[in-house]
Amino acid sequence: MGHELTPDEKNQCAEYVREAEQAEHPGATISVLVGDEIGDDGKVQVRVVRTTFSDL
């Protein structure tokens, strides 16, 4: 059974991922979806959706 993430923890995680993605893909529009809990392996499920102008 994993640890339930608080909204603050989820926001912090999403912000961290967004900054890292932004650094790697300047100008991209980045959406980060963070899972609700930390799994047994200590990892949080994170899904990144990135839209760059070259994709359009």
Protein backbone atom coordinates (compact mmCIF):
# COMPACT_ATOMS: atom_id res chain seq x y z
CA MET A 1 0.00 0.00 0.00
CA GLY A 2 1.48 3.33 -1.05
CA HIS A 3 1.52 6.73 0.61
CA GLU A 4 -1.31 9.06 -0.43
CA LEU A 5 0.01 12.33 -1.84
CA THR A 6 -1.33 15.63 -0.54
CA PRO A 7 -2.34 18.27 -3.11
CA ASP A 8 0.77 20.24 -2.10
CA GLU A 9 3.04 17.27 -2.74
CA LYS A 10 1.40 16.71 -6.12
CA ASN A 11 1.84 20.38 -7.08
CA GLN A 12 5.47 20.36 -5.96
CA CYS A 13 6.17 17.27 -8.02
CA ALA A 14 4.39 18.66 -11.09
CA GLU A 15 6.26 21.96 -10.79
CA TYR A 16 9.62 20.19 -10.55
CA VAL A 17 8.89 18.06 -13.62
CA ARG A 18 7.56 21.06 -15.55
CA GLU A 19 10.74 23.06 -14.87
CA ALA A 20 12.95 20.17 -15.98
CA GLU A 21 10.91 19.67 -19.16
CA GLN A 22 10.89 23.40 -19.88
CA ALA A 23 14.68 23.52 -19.60
CA GLU A 24 14.98 20.67 -22.08
CA HIS A 25 12.25 21.87 -24.44
CA PRO A 26 12.11 25.69 -24.32
CA GLY A 27 8.84 27.10 -25.58
CA ALA A 28 6.98 23.81 -25.23
CA THR A 29 3.57 23.69 -23.60
CA ILE A 30 3.84 21.15 -20.83
CA SER A 31 1.08 19.43 -18.88
CA VAL A 32 2.08 17.25 -15.96
CA LEU A 33 -0.33 14.77 -14.40
CA VAL A 34 0.80 13.37 -11.08
CA GLY A 35 -0.65 10.17 -9.62
CA ASP A 36 -2.43 10.12 -6.29
CA GLU A 37 0.05 8.04 -4.38
CA ILE A 38 3.61 6.84 -4.08
CA GLY A 39 3.82 3.17 -5.03
CA ASP A 40 5.49 0.37 -3.09
CA ASP A 41 8.66 1.01 -5.10
CA GLY A 42 8.78 4.58 -3.76
CA LYS A 43 7.96 6.09 -7.15
CA VAL A 44 5.19 8.48 -8.07
CA GLN A 45 3.32 7.92 -11.32
CA VAL A 46 3.88 11.00 -13.48
CA ARG A 47 2.63 11.56 -17.00
CA VAL A 48 4.05 14.39 -19.08
CA VAL A 49 2.27 15.76 -22.13
CA ARG A 50 4.50 18.02 -24.17
CA THR A 51 3.43 20.08 -27.18
CA THR A 52 6.15 21.85 -29.12
CA PHE A 53 5.57 24.08 -32.11
CA SER A 54 7.35 21.60 -34.37
CA ASP A 55 4.67 19.02 -33.47
CA LEU A 56 1.88 21.21 -34.80
